[in-house]
Amino acid sequence: MNSKQGAGGRGQGARGQGRGGKRLKALVALLSIALAFPGSADAYIQLAFDVGGQVKSIHWSSSPRWFATDRSVPGVSASQFQAEVQRAFETWGAVPTASIGSQFVGFVSARPSDVDNISVFGFEDQTPDMDRVLAATGFTIDTLTGEIVESDVFFNTRFTWSAAQSGEPGRFDLRSVATHEIGHFFGLGHSAIGETELRADGSHRVVASGSVMFPVSMGTNNIADRTLQPDDIAGMSSIYPDGGFETRTGSITGRVRLGNAGVLGAHVVAFSIRTGTLVGGFSTTSDGTFTISGLAPGPYVVRVEPLDDYDVDSFLLAPGVNVDFRATFHPRLVVAPSGGANPSFDVTVQPK
């Protein structure tokens, strides 16, 4: 069965509709970019779901075809919209260690919310409960293979948008938001490489971001997210490896431990002492196991931290995530070997 699933608000919730066959349904969150309140995310790891104990990663089996709606909004015409989304696609297509492309087919009157076997990008009106959601991505997937059948992206008309080359005060940069959403379109979850601070009204302000796939917007008149970061490139290349990516890069694997128990949902970051780049991941099993792939060979500082910057559901949709421990550095450098992984090691954390 193909299953269309979604959620809102750099947040979550779900809408679903299955069609035909005898395949199992699976839940894939619609990932979105929000103005201030973050929501569902999975780190740079590939989006996946569990069917009968087997993890199925979602992906395109060939270069996807996409359409743009023929709708304009104040400040952005339909042709400008298509051009900015095309440039965002080209940003991901230029990753030298990834092999996926895309093809723009044409303009349509269909809406991104339609289940119609075509992938549509466009502006769409949203309900008041989506008032902090800038844009969101949904999928129809083959739940036997994980292949993406359809993926749609809406951009919320409640906000003011810009297609200006250098951005515009008071408007959100369309290309930056499109670049984030296209990461989801290709199968990437959110990255936790970034920091926010809590405002008095309960919203969050981005203090720093080290990934286009960080789940909270940088705000208006900001074009920084047009440029991919090492964490984004590693994630994309892990899904669609090319250019010797698998033989020329390495992985770091280990476990996060608290006493005799594993820690589920710890955020683990590898910092290259040679290049100063950051690539992150999560401990995704109950025994605390983590793997960070796509690393340039060499020595790394490994830091483990709890997902306590804001709501845990902003990053992992899993029961039992532990945030009750202190941020910890592994006491030794860890070397990522070319074409393989280091011997597994434990990072022991202490309770708060």
C-alpha atoms as a PDB file:
ATOM      1  CA  MET A   1       0.000   0.000   0.000  1.00  0.00           C
ATOM      2  CA  ASN A   2       1.106   3.521  -0.680  1.00  0.00           C
ATOM      3  CA  SER A   3       0.580   5.734   2.333  1.00  0.00           C
ATOM      4  CA  LYS A   4       0.273   9.535   2.390  1.00  0.00           C
ATOM      5  CA  GLN A   5       1.257  10.936   5.765  1.00  0.00           C
ATOM      6  CA  GLY A   6       1.788  14.359   7.193  1.00  0.00           C
ATOM      7  CA  ALA A   7       2.172  16.586  10.204  1.00  0.00           C
ATOM      8  CA  GLY A   8       2.447  20.272  10.836  1.00  0.00           C
ATOM      9  CA  GLY A   9       4.466  22.969  12.326  1.00  0.00           C
ATOM     10  CA  ARG A  10       8.018  21.982  12.493  1.00  0.00           C
ATOM     11  CA  GLY A  11       5.690  20.106  14.688  1.00  0.00           C
ATOM     12  CA  GLN A  12       3.704  16.996  14.337  1.00  0.00           C
ATOM     13  CA  GLY A  13       0.364  15.364  14.015  1.00  0.00           C
ATOM     14  CA  ALA A  14      -0.622  13.280  11.052  1.00  0.00           C
ATOM     15  CA  ARG A  15      -2.985  12.947   8.174  1.00  0.00           C
ATOM     16  CA  GLY A  16      -3.043   9.729   6.196  1.00  0.00           C
ATOM     17  CA  GLN A  17      -4.646   7.992   3.296  1.00  0.00           C
ATOM     18  CA  GLY A  18      -3.751   4.577   1.918  1.00  0.00           C
ATOM     19  CA  ARG A  19      -4.375   3.366  -1.581  1.00  0.00           C
ATOM     20  CA  GLY A  20      -4.689  -0.179  -2.994  1.00  0.00           C
ATOM     21  CA  GLY A  21      -2.696  -3.379  -2.610  1.00  0.00           C
ATOM     22  CA  LYS A  22      -1.830  -5.431   0.450  1.00  0.00           C
ATOM     23  CA  ARG A  23       1.113  -3.441   1.739  1.00  0.00           C
ATOM     24  CA  LEU A  24       1.404  -2.260   5.306  1.00  0.00           C
ATOM     25  CA  LYS A  25       0.750   1.315   6.269  1.00  0.00           C
ATOM     26  CA  ALA A  26       3.554   3.199   7.986  1.00  0.00           C
ATOM     27  CA  LEU A  27       3.749   6.601   9.600  1.00  0.00           C
ATOM     28  CA  VAL A  28       6.113   9.118   8.086  1.00  0.00           C
ATOM     29  CA  ALA A  29       5.925  12.558   9.660  1.00  0.00           C
ATOM     30  CA  LEU A  30       5.494  15.533   7.391  1.00  0.00           C
ATOM     31  CA  LEU A  31       8.437  17.707   8.290  1.00  0.00           C
ATOM     32  CA  SER A  32       8.184  21.430   8.285  1.00  0.00           C
ATOM     33  CA  ILE A  33       9.987  24.663   8.991  1.00  0.00           C
ATOM     34  CA  ALA A  34       8.532  26.924  11.653  1.00  0.00           C
ATOM     35  CA  LEU A  35       8.810  30.554  12.599  1.00  0.00           C
ATOM     36  CA  ALA A  36       9.534  30.019  16.280  1.00  0.00           C
ATOM     37  CA  PHE A  37       8.130  26.815  17.718  1.00  0.00           C
ATOM     38  CA  PRO A  38      10.117  23.735  16.604  1.00  0.00           C
ATOM     39  CA  GLY A  39       8.600  20.323  15.970  1.00  0.00           C
ATOM     40  CA  SER A  40       9.265  16.851  14.600  1.00  0.00           C
ATOM     41  CA  ALA A  41      12.780  15.929  13.520  1.00  0.00           C
ATOM     42  CA  ASP A  42      15.147  13.022  13.268  1.00  0.00           C
ATOM     43  CA  ALA A  43      18.711  14.486  13.171  1.00  0.00           C
ATOM     44  CA  TYR A  44      20.662  14.290   9.948  1.00  0.00           C
ATOM     45  CA  ILE A  45      19.787  10.582   9.811  1.00  0.00           C
ATOM     46  CA  GLN A  46      17.582   9.443   6.974  1.00  0.00           C
ATOM     47  CA  LEU A  47      13.850   9.367   7.571  1.00  0.00           C
ATOM     48  CA  ALA A  48      12.666   5.824   8.197  1.00  0.00           C
ATOM     49  CA  PHE A  49       9.864   3.735   9.660  1.00  0.00           C
ATOM     50  CA  ASP A  50       9.501   0.338  11.263  1.00  0.00           C
ATOM     51  CA  VAL A  51       7.555  -2.488   9.645  1.00  0.00           C
ATOM     52  CA  GLY A  52       7.533  -5.773  11.547  1.00  0.00           C
ATOM     53  CA  GLY A  53      10.847  -5.018  13.217  1.00  0.00           C
ATOM     54  CA  GLN A  54      12.547  -3.981   9.976  1.00  0.00           C
ATOM     55  CA  VAL A  55      13.642  -0.390   9.475  1.00  0.00           C
ATOM     56  CA  LYS A  56      12.731   0.974   6.047  1.00  0.00           C
ATOM     57  CA  SER A  57      14.461   4.183   4.974  1.00  0.00           C
ATOM     58  CA  ILE A  58      12.571   6.449   2.618  1.00  0.00           C
ATOM     59  CA  HIS A  59      14.196   7.456  -0.673  1.00  0.00           C
ATOM     60  CA  TRP A  60      13.640   8.168  -4.345  1.00  0.00           C
ATOM     61  CA  SER A  61      14.576   5.276  -6.633  1.00  0.00           C
ATOM     62  CA  SER A  62      15.240   7.687  -9.525  1.00  0.00           C
ATOM     63  CA  SER A  63      15.476  11.442 -10.034  1.00  0.00           C
ATOM     64  CA  PRO A  64      12.077  12.877  -9.038  1.00  0.00           C
ATOM     65  CA  ARG A  65       9.861  15.032 -11.256  1.00  0.00           C
ATOM     66  CA  TRP A  66       8.179  18.020  -9.634  1.00  0.00           C
ATOM     67  CA  PHE A  67       5.546  20.612 -10.492  1.00  0.00           C
ATOM     68  CA  ALA A  68       4.912  24.156  -9.247  1.00  0.00           C
ATOM     69  CA  THR A  69       1.494  25.659  -8.612  1.00  0.00           C
ATOM     70  CA  ASP A  70       0.462  28.595 -10.767  1.00  0.00           C
ATOM     71  CA  ARG A  71      -0.309  30.712  -7.704  1.00  0.00           C
ATOM     72  CA  SER A  72       1.418  34.001  -6.887  1.00  0.00           C
ATOM     73  CA  VAL A  73       1.553  35.906  -3.589  1.00  0.00           C
ATOM     74  CA  PRO A  74       2.456  39.552  -2.881  1.00  0.00           C
ATOM     75  CA  GLY A  75       6.153  39.923  -3.636  1.00  0.00           C
ATOM     76  CA  VAL A  76       6.607  36.575  -5.408  1.00  0.00           C
ATOM     77  CA  SER A  77       5.121  35.661  -8.784  1.00  0.00           C
ATOM     78  CA  ALA A  78       4.559  32.055  -9.845  1.00  0.00           C
ATOM     79  CA  SER A  79       7.553  32.226 -12.199  1.00  0.00           C
ATOM     80  CA  GLN A  80       9.773  33.661  -9.446  1.00  0.00           C
ATOM     81  CA  PHE A  81       8.599  30.915  -7.103  1.00  0.00           C
ATOM     82  CA  GLN A  82       9.537  28.209  -9.616  1.00  0.00           C
ATOM     83  CA  ALA A  83      12.932  29.788 -10.259  1.00  0.00           C
ATOM     84  CA  GLU A  84      13.818  29.989  -6.551  1.00  0.00           C
ATOM     85  CA  VAL A  85      12.748  26.394  -5.890  1.00  0.00           C
ATOM     86  CA  GLN A  86      14.776  25.308  -8.935  1.00  0.00           C
ATOM     87  CA  ARG A  87      17.843  27.062  -7.522  1.00  0.00           C
ATOM     88  CA  ALA A  88      17.294  25.295  -4.206  1.00  0.00           C
ATOM     89  CA  PHE A  89      17.152  21.948  -6.011  1.00  0.00           C
ATOM     90  CA  GLU A  90      20.384  22.826  -7.804  1.00  0.00           C
ATOM     91  CA  THR A  91      22.060  23.486  -4.458  1.00  0.00           C
ATOM     92  CA  TRP A  92      21.413  19.899  -3.362  1.00  0.00           C
ATOM     93  CA  GLY A  93      22.195  18.570  -6.844  1.00  0.00           C
ATOM     94  CA  ALA A  94      25.635  20.179  -6.706  1.00  0.00           C
ATOM     95  CA  VAL A  95      26.774  18.004  -3.773  1.00  0.00           C
ATOM     96  CA  PRO A  96      29.696  16.133  -5.403  1.00  0.00           C
ATOM     97  CA  THR A  97      29.327  13.020  -3.243  1.00  0.00           C
ATOM     98  CA  ALA A  98      25.596  12.541  -3.901  1.00  0.00           C
ATOM     99  CA  SER A  99      23.963  11.220  -7.059  1.00  0.00           C
ATOM    100  CA  ILE A 100      20.332  12.365  -7.061  1.00  0.00           C
ATOM    101  CA  GLY A 101      18.926  14.947  -9.480  1.00  0.00           C
ATOM    102  CA  SER A 102      15.480  16.398 -10.202  1.00  0.00           C
ATOM    103  CA  GLN A 103      13.342  17.604 -13.108  1.00  0.00           C
ATOM    104  CA  PHE A 104      10.858  20.474 -13.219  1.00  0.00           C
ATOM    105  CA  VAL A 105       7.890  19.420 -15.361  1.00  0.00           C
ATOM    106  CA  GLY A 106       5.600  22.451 -15.430  1.00  0.00           C
ATOM    107  CA  PHE A 107       2.963  24.568 -13.710  1.00  0.00           C
ATOM    108  CA  VAL A 108      -0.288  23.060 -12.423  1.00  0.00           C
ATOM    109  CA  SER A 109      -3.437  24.213 -10.665  1.00  0.00           C
ATOM    110  CA  ALA A 110      -3.214  21.265  -8.230  1.00  0.00           C
ATOM    111  CA  ARG A 111      -2.517  22.006  -4.568  1.00  0.00           C
ATOM    112  CA  PRO A 112       0.352  20.564  -2.512  1.00  0.00           C
ATOM    113  CA  SER A 113      -2.235  19.000  -0.176  1.00  0.00           C
ATOM    114  CA  ASP A 114      -3.777  16.914  -3.008  1.00  0.00           C
ATOM    115  CA  VAL A 115      -3.049  13.178  -3.152  1.00  0.00           C
ATOM    116  CA  ASP A 116      -2.660  12.882  -6.915  1.00  0.00           C
ATOM    117  CA  ASN A 117       0.561  10.969  -7.667  1.00  0.00           C
ATOM    118  CA  ILE A 118       2.448  14.117  -8.644  1.00  0.00           C
ATOM    119  CA  SER A 119       4.883  16.092  -6.495  1.00  0.00           C
ATOM    120  CA  VAL A 120       3.745  19.686  -6.158  1.00  0.00           C
ATOM    121  CA  PHE A 121       5.455  22.740  -4.649  1.00  0.00           C
ATOM    122  CA  GLY A 122       3.394  25.838  -4.040  1.00  0.00           C
ATOM    123  CA  PHE A 123       1.787  28.464  -1.854  1.00  0.00           C
ATOM    124  CA  GLU A 124      -1.248  27.355   0.114  1.00  0.00           C
ATOM    125  CA  ASP A 125      -3.545  28.901   2.725  1.00  0.00           C
ATOM    126  CA  GLN A 126      -3.338  27.252   6.122  1.00  0.00           C
ATOM    127  CA  THR A 127      -5.594  27.080   9.154  1.00  0.00           C
ATOM    128  CA  PRO A 128      -4.937  29.226  12.272  1.00  0.00           C
ATOM    129  CA  ASP A 129      -3.344  26.295  14.108  1.00  0.00           C
ATOM    130  CA  MET A 130      -0.545  26.438  11.481  1.00  0.00           C
ATOM    131  CA  ASP A 131       0.185  30.089  12.144  1.00  0.00           C
ATOM    132  CA  ARG A 132       3.839  29.424  13.018  1.00  0.00           C
ATOM    133  CA  VAL A 133       4.523  27.005  10.170  1.00  0.00           C
ATOM    134  CA  LEU A 134       6.425  28.566   7.294  1.00  0.00           C
ATOM    135  CA  ALA A 135       6.438  25.470   5.068  1.00  0.00           C
ATOM    136  CA  ALA A 136       6.035  21.715   5.312  1.00  0.00           C
ATOM    137  CA  THR A 137       6.753  18.538   3.353  1.00  0.00           C
ATOM    138  CA  GLY A 138       4.578  15.438   3.083  1.00  0.00           C
ATOM    139  CA  PHE A 139       5.087  12.044   1.476  1.00  0.00           C
ATOM    140  CA  THR A 140       3.295   9.198  -0.183  1.00  0.00           C
ATOM    141  CA  ILE A 141       5.517   6.152   0.221  1.00  0.00           C
ATOM    142  CA  ASP A 142       5.671   2.521  -0.799  1.00  0.00           C
ATOM    143  CA  THR A 143       5.691   0.896   2.620  1.00  0.00           C
ATOM    144  CA  LEU A 144       7.297  -2.315   1.392  1.00  0.00           C
ATOM    145  CA  THR A 145      10.368  -0.706  -0.154  1.00  0.00           C
ATOM    146  CA  GLY A 146      10.509   2.768   1.387  1.00  0.00           C
ATOM    147  CA  GLU A 147      10.419   4.326  -2.085  1.00  0.00           C
ATOM    148  CA  ILE A 148       8.895   7.808  -2.215  1.00  0.00           C
ATOM    149  CA  VAL A 149       6.001   7.852  -4.664  1.00  0.00           C
ATOM    150  CA  GLU A 150       4.933  11.467  -4.156  1.00  0.00           C
ATOM    151  CA  SER A 151       6.215  14.345  -2.040  1.00  0.00           C
ATOM    152  CA  ASP A 152       4.515  17.724  -1.766  1.00  0.00           C
ATOM    153  CA  VAL A 153       5.712  20.972  -0.219  1.00  0.00           C
ATOM    154  CA  PHE A 154       3.492  23.883   0.798  1.00  0.00           C
ATOM    155  CA  PHE A 155       4.596  27.416   1.669  1.00  0.00           C
ATOM    156  CA  ASN A 156       2.264  29.208   4.055  1.00  0.00           C
ATOM    157  CA  THR A 157       0.544  32.311   2.647  1.00  0.00           C
ATOM    158  CA  ARG A 158       0.180  33.693   6.191  1.00  0.00           C
ATOM    159  CA  PHE A 159       3.775  34.911   5.861  1.00  0.00           C
ATOM    160  CA  THR A 160       5.377  37.480   3.576  1.00  0.00           C
ATOM    161  CA  TRP A 161       7.900  36.014   1.133  1.00  0.00           C
ATOM    162  CA  SER A 162      10.838  37.286  -0.877  1.00  0.00           C
ATOM    163  CA  ALA A 163      12.647  36.143  -4.020  1.00  0.00           C
ATOM    164  CA  ALA A 164      15.185  38.980  -3.834  1.00  0.00           C
ATOM    165  CA  GLN A 165      18.801  38.072  -4.446  1.00  0.00           C
ATOM    166  CA  SER A 166      19.973  39.595  -1.144  1.00  0.00           C
ATOM    167  CA  GLY A 167      16.805  39.085   0.907  1.00  0.00           C
ATOM    168  CA  GLU A 168      14.339  41.731   2.065  1.00  0.00           C
ATOM    169  CA  PRO A 169      13.642  43.187   5.520  1.00  0.00           C
ATOM    170  CA  GLY A 170      10.512  41.770   7.095  1.00  0.00           C
ATOM    171  CA  ARG A 171      10.178  38.931   4.536  1.00  0.00           C
ATOM    172  CA  PHE A 172      11.195  35.280   4.622  1.00  0.00           C
ATOM    173  CA  ASP A 173      13.672  34.165   1.998  1.00  0.00           C
ATOM    174  CA  LEU A 174      11.894  31.679  -0.244  1.00  0.00           C
ATOM    175  CA  ARG A 175      15.046  29.951  -1.463  1.00  0.00           C
ATOM    176  CA  SER A 176      16.376  29.365   2.057  1.00  0.00           C
ATOM    177  CA  VAL A 177      13.127  27.773   3.205  1.00  0.00           C
ATOM    178  CA  ALA A 178      12.881  25.761  -0.022  1.00  0.00           C
ATOM    179  CA  THR A 179      16.419  24.443   0.486  1.00  0.00           C
ATOM    180  CA  HIS A 180      15.416  23.148   3.929  1.00  0.00           C
ATOM    181  CA  GLU A 181      12.220  21.538   2.640  1.00  0.00           C
ATOM    182  CA  ILE A 182      13.966  19.914  -0.324  1.00  0.00           C
ATOM    183  CA  GLY A 183      16.255  18.195   2.183  1.00  0.00           C
ATOM    184  CA  HIS A 184      13.094  16.575   3.575  1.00  0.00           C
ATOM    185  CA  PHE A 185      11.821  15.957   0.034  1.00  0.00           C
ATOM    186  CA  PHE A 186      14.894  13.805  -0.602  1.00  0.00           C
ATOM    187  CA  GLY A 187      14.525  11.931   2.706  1.00  0.00           C
ATOM    188  CA  LEU A 188      16.486  13.859   5.319  1.00  0.00           C
ATOM    189  CA  GLY A 189      15.219  14.515   8.809  1.00  0.00           C
ATOM    190  CA  HIS A 190      16.125  17.502  10.972  1.00  0.00           C
ATOM    191  CA  SER A 191      19.553  18.183  12.398  1.00  0.00           C
ATOM    192  CA  ALA A 192      20.076  19.165  16.025  1.00  0.00           C
ATOM    193  CA  ILE A 193      23.241  21.165  15.324  1.00  0.00           C
ATOM    194  CA  GLY A 194      22.117  24.552  16.519  1.00  0.00           C
ATOM    195  CA  GLU A 195      21.139  26.474  19.616  1.00  0.00           C
ATOM    196  CA  THR A 196      18.054  28.442  20.548  1.00  0.00           C
ATOM    197  CA  GLU A 197      17.039  30.558  23.489  1.00  0.00           C
ATOM    198  CA  LEU A 198      13.592  30.631  25.044  1.00  0.00           C
ATOM    199  CA  ARG A 199      11.688  33.908  24.859  1.00  0.00           C
ATOM    200  CA  ALA A 200       9.230  35.102  27.474  1.00  0.00           C
ATOM    201  CA  ASP A 201       6.279  34.233  25.206  1.00  0.00           C
ATOM    202  CA  GLY A 202       7.395  30.603  24.972  1.00  0.00           C
ATOM    203  CA  SER A 203       8.841  30.860  21.471  1.00  0.00           C
ATOM    204  CA  HIS A 204      12.474  30.221  20.564  1.00  0.00           C
ATOM    205  CA  ARG A 205      15.069  32.440  18.915  1.00  0.00           C
ATOM    206  CA  VAL A 206      17.895  30.842  16.953  1.00  0.00           C
ATOM    207  CA  VAL A 207      21.235  31.758  18.519  1.00  0.00           C
ATOM    208  CA  ALA A 208      23.364  29.660  16.153  1.00  0.00           C
ATOM    209  CA  SER A 209      22.765  27.068  13.469  1.00  0.00           C
ATOM    210  CA  GLY A 210      25.241  24.645  11.890  1.00  0.00           C
ATOM    211  CA  SER A 211      22.884  22.981   9.426  1.00  0.00           C
ATOM    212  CA  VAL A 212      20.279  23.950   6.844  1.00  0.00           C
ATOM    213  CA  MET A 213      18.230  21.096   8.308  1.00  0.00           C
ATOM    214  CA  PHE A 214      18.051  22.682  11.768  1.00  0.00           C
ATOM    215  CA  PRO A 215      14.306  22.804  12.499  1.00  0.00           C
ATOM    216  CA  VAL A 216      13.837  26.464  13.437  1.00  0.00           C
ATOM    217  CA  SER A 217      13.953  29.337  10.964  1.00  0.00           C
ATOM    218  CA  MET A 218      16.716  31.945  11.165  1.00  0.00           C
ATOM    219  CA  GLY A 219      14.041  34.619  10.698  1.00  0.00           C
ATOM    220  CA  THR A 220      13.261  37.279   8.115  1.00  0.00           C
ATOM    221  CA  ASN A 221      15.821  38.866   5.801  1.00  0.00           C
ATOM    222  CA  ASN A 222      18.224  35.968   6.296  1.00  0.00           C
ATOM    223  CA  ILE A 223      19.703  34.023   3.354  1.00  0.00           C
ATOM    224  CA  ALA A 224      22.221  31.886   5.286  1.00  0.00           C
ATOM    225  CA  ASP A 225      20.252  28.687   4.699  1.00  0.00           C
ATOM    226  CA  ARG A 226      20.843  28.865   0.969  1.00  0.00           C
ATOM    227  CA  THR A 227      24.264  27.325   1.707  1.00  0.00           C
ATOM    228  CA  LEU A 228      24.615  23.683   2.771  1.00  0.00           C
ATOM    229  CA  GLN A 229      26.727  22.824   5.818  1.00  0.00           C
ATOM    230  CA  PRO A 230      28.898  19.702   6.352  1.00  0.00           C
ATOM    231  CA  ASP A 231      26.116  18.015   8.343  1.00  0.00           C
ATOM    232  CA  ASP A 232      23.681  18.500   5.438  1.00  0.00           C
ATOM    233  CA  ILE A 233      26.168  17.220   2.879  1.00  0.00           C
ATOM    234  CA  ALA A 234      26.984  14.129   4.942  1.00  0.00           C
ATOM    235  CA  GLY A 235      23.294  13.308   5.322  1.00  0.00           C
ATOM    236  CA  MET A 236      22.460  13.713   1.633  1.00  0.00           C
ATOM    237  CA  SER A 237      25.500  11.717   0.582  1.00  0.00           C
ATOM    238  CA  SER A 238      24.608   8.895   2.945  1.00  0.00           C
ATOM    239  CA  ILE A 239      21.229   8.486   1.212  1.00  0.00           C
ATOM    240  CA  TYR A 240      22.470   8.808  -2.384  1.00  0.00           C
ATOM    241  CA  PRO A 241      26.223   8.053  -2.253  1.00  0.00           C
ATOM    242  CA  ASP A 242      28.387   8.870  -5.267  1.00  0.00           C
ATOM    243  CA  GLY A 243      31.873  10.016  -6.160  1.00  0.00           C
ATOM    244  CA  GLY A 244      33.608   7.488  -3.898  1.00  0.00           C
ATOM    245  CA  PHE A 245      31.715   8.763  -0.846  1.00  0.00           C
ATOM    246  CA  GLU A 246      31.500   5.371   0.869  1.00  0.00           C
ATOM    247  CA  THR A 247      35.190   4.519   0.358  1.00  0.00           C
ATOM    248  CA  ARG A 248      36.603   7.991   0.958  1.00  0.00           C
ATOM    249  CA  THR A 249      34.727   8.794   4.159  1.00  0.00           C
ATOM    250  CA  GLY A 250      34.477   7.039   7.499  1.00  0.00           C
ATOM    251  CA  SER A 251      32.143   6.536  10.440  1.00  0.00           C
ATOM    252  CA  ILE A 252      32.276   6.847  14.197  1.00  0.00           C
ATOM    253  CA  THR A 253      30.203   4.367  16.160  1.00  0.00           C
ATOM    254  CA  GLY A 254      29.760   3.805  19.863  1.00  0.00           C
ATOM    255  CA  ARG A 255      27.324   3.744  22.767  1.00  0.00           C
ATOM    256  CA  VAL A 256      26.102   6.333  25.258  1.00  0.00           C
ATOM    257  CA  ARG A 257      25.859   4.831  28.739  1.00  0.00           C
ATOM    258  CA  LEU A 258      24.414   6.019  32.043  1.00  0.00           C
ATOM    259  CA  GLY A 259      25.514   3.564  34.684  1.00  0.00           C
ATOM    260  CA  ASN A 260      24.759   0.107  33.299  1.00  0.00           C
ATOM    261  CA  ALA A 261      22.009   1.317  30.959  1.00  0.00           C
ATOM    262  CA  GLY A 262      22.049   2.718  27.465  1.00  0.00           C
ATOM    263  CA  VAL A 263      20.804   6.239  26.757  1.00  0.00           C
ATOM    264  CA  LEU A 264      18.198   6.565  24.026  1.00  0.00           C
ATOM    265  CA  GLY A 265      17.981   9.856  22.140  1.00  0.00           C
ATOM    266  CA  ALA A 266      21.286  11.435  23.122  1.00  0.00           C
ATOM    267  CA  HIS A 267      22.600  13.959  20.604  1.00  0.00           C
ATOM    268  CA  VAL A 268      26.149  13.038  19.579  1.00  0.00           C
ATOM    269  CA  VAL A 269      28.352  15.500  17.689  1.00  0.00           C
ATOM    270  CA  ALA A 270      31.688  14.814  15.982  1.00  0.00           C
ATOM    271  CA  PHE A 271      33.983  17.869  15.735  1.00  0.00           C
ATOM    272  CA  SER A 272      36.891  17.638  13.290  1.00  0.00           C
ATOM    273  CA  ILE A 273      40.068  19.092  14.774  1.00  0.00           C
ATOM    274  CA  ARG A 274      41.468  19.402  11.240  1.00  0.00           C
ATOM    275  CA  THR A 275      38.649  21.317   9.574  1.00  0.00           C
ATOM    276  CA  GLY A 276      36.491  22.604  12.441  1.00  0.00           C
ATOM    277  CA  THR A 277      33.364  21.038  10.909  1.00  0.00           C
ATOM    278  CA  LEU A 278      30.490  19.501  12.882  1.00  0.00           C
ATOM    279  CA  VAL A 279      28.448  16.430  11.938  1.00  0.00           C
ATOM    280  CA  GLY A 280      25.853  15.036  14.311  1.00  0.00           C
ATOM    281  CA  GLY A 281      23.574  12.101  14.991  1.00  0.00           C
ATOM    282  CA  PHE A 282      21.558  10.436  17.730  1.00  0.00           C
ATOM    283  CA  SER A 283      21.741   7.312  19.837  1.00  0.00           C
ATOM    284  CA  THR A 284      18.737   5.599  18.288  1.00  0.00           C
ATOM    285  CA  THR A 285      18.431   2.320  20.219  1.00  0.00           C
ATOM    286  CA  SER A 286      17.711   1.475  23.821  1.00  0.00           C
ATOM    287  CA  ASP A 287      21.294   0.310  24.380  1.00  0.00           C
ATOM    288  CA  GLY A 288      22.560   3.793  23.438  1.00  0.00           C
ATOM    289  CA  THR A 289      24.143   2.887  20.100  1.00  0.00           C
ATOM    290  CA  PHE A 290      24.980   5.717  17.695  1.00  0.00           C
ATOM    291  CA  THR A 291      26.696   5.973  14.314  1.00  0.00           C
ATOM    292  CA  ILE A 292      27.834   9.164  12.596  1.00  0.00           C
ATOM    293  CA  SER A 293      28.652   8.544   8.944  1.00  0.00           C
ATOM    294  CA  GLY A 294      30.093  10.601   6.110  1.00  0.00           C
ATOM    295  CA  LEU A 295      33.093  11.901   8.056  1.00  0.00           C
ATOM    296  CA  ALA A 296      36.329  12.949   6.417  1.00  0.00           C
ATOM    297  CA  PRO A 297      39.019  10.529   7.686  1.00  0.00           C
ATOM    298  CA  GLY A 298      40.868  11.857  10.701  1.00  0.00           C
ATOM    299  CA  PRO A 299      40.602  12.604  14.424  1.00  0.00           C
ATOM    300  CA  TYR A 300      37.428  13.908  16.042  1.00  0.00           C
ATOM    301  CA  VAL A 301      36.302  15.279  19.377  1.00  0.00           C
ATOM    302  CA  VAL A 302      33.055  13.572  20.394  1.00  0.00           C
ATOM    303  CA  ARG A 303      30.514  15.385  22.550  1.00  0.00           C
ATOM    304  CA  VAL A 304      27.254  13.939  23.914  1.00  0.00           C
ATOM    305  CA  GLU A 305      24.408  16.163  25.074  1.00  0.00           C
ATOM    306  CA  PRO A 306      20.752  15.763  26.081  1.00  0.00           C
ATOM    307  CA  LEU A 307      17.937  16.978  23.852  1.00  0.00           C
ATOM    308  CA  ASP A 308      16.792  19.538  26.404  1.00  0.00           C
ATOM    309  CA  ASP A 309      16.983  22.702  24.308  1.00  0.00           C
ATOM    310  CA  TYR A 310      13.230  22.377  23.813  1.00  0.00           C
ATOM    311  CA  ASP A 311      10.580  19.677  23.469  1.00  0.00           C
ATOM    312  CA  VAL A 312      12.044  16.229  22.789  1.00  0.00           C
ATOM    313  CA  ASP A 313       9.418  15.624  20.106  1.00  0.00           C
ATOM    314  CA  SER A 314      11.170  18.305  18.105  1.00  0.00           C
ATOM    315  CA  PHE A 315      13.855  15.730  17.380  1.00  0.00           C
ATOM    316  CA  LEU A 316      12.790  12.161  18.066  1.00  0.00           C
ATOM    317  CA  LEU A 317       9.384  10.526  17.866  1.00  0.00           C
ATOM    318  CA  ALA A 318      10.302   7.670  20.175  1.00  0.00           C
ATOM    319  CA  PRO A 319       9.241   6.709  23.715  1.00  0.00           C
ATOM    320  CA  GLY A 320      11.872   6.568  26.426  1.00  0.00           C
ATOM    321  CA  VAL A 321      14.183   9.373  25.265  1.00  0.00           C
ATOM    322  CA  ASN A 322      16.433  10.285  28.198  1.00  0.00           C
ATOM    323  CA  VAL A 323      17.352  13.935  28.779  1.00  0.00           C
ATOM    324  CA  ASP A 324      18.335  13.589  32.437  1.00  0.00           C
ATOM    325  CA  PHE A 325      22.118  13.626  32.053  1.00  0.00           C
ATOM    326  CA  ARG A 326      24.960  16.099  31.725  1.00  0.00           C
ATOM    327  CA  ALA A 327      26.688  17.055  28.490  1.00  0.00           C
ATOM    328  CA  THR A 328      29.908  15.036  28.276  1.00  0.00           C
ATOM    329  CA  PHE A 329      33.036  14.946  26.123  1.00  0.00           C
ATOM    330  CA  HIS A 330      34.630  11.595  25.348  1.00  0.00           C
ATOM    331  CA  PRO A 331      38.071  11.834  27.012  1.00  0.00           C
ATOM    332  CA  ARG A 332      39.993  10.689  23.927  1.00  0.00           C
ATOM    333  CA  LEU A 333      40.090  11.672  20.281  1.00  0.00           C
ATOM    334  CA  VAL A 334      38.305   9.215  18.026  1.00  0.00           C
ATOM    335  CA  VAL A 335      39.635   8.520  14.528  1.00  0.00           C
ATOM    336  CA  ALA A 336      37.254   7.955  11.633  1.00  0.00           C
ATOM    337  CA  PRO A 337      39.040   5.625   9.182  1.00  0.00           C
ATOM    338  CA  SER A 338      38.669   5.866   5.431  1.00  0.00           C
ATOM    339  CA  GLY A 339      36.010   3.469   4.151  1.00  0.00           C
ATOM    340  CA  GLY A 340      35.104   2.015   7.543  1.00  0.00           C
ATOM    341  CA  ALA A 341      34.298   2.604  11.192  1.00  0.00           C
ATOM    342  CA  ASN A 342      36.366   2.938  14.340  1.00  0.00           C
ATOM    343  CA  PRO A 343      36.297   0.262  17.058  1.00  0.00           C
ATOM    344  CA  SER A 344      33.138   0.908  19.078  1.00  0.00           C
ATOM    345  CA  PHE A 345      33.576   2.808  22.332  1.00  0.00           C
ATOM    346  CA  ASP A 346      31.404   3.934  25.238  1.00  0.00           C
ATOM    347  CA  VAL A 347      30.731   7.486  26.345  1.00  0.00           C
ATOM    348  CA  THR A 348      29.702   7.402  29.999  1.00  0.00           C
ATOM    349  CA  VAL A 349      27.488  10.279  31.107  1.00  0.00           C
ATOM    350  CA  GLN A 350      26.433  11.374  34.557  1.00  0.00           C
ATOM    351  CA  PRO A 351      22.926  12.234  35.803  1.00  0.00           C
ATOM    352  CA  LYS A 352      22.022  15.885  36.256  1.00  0.00           C
END
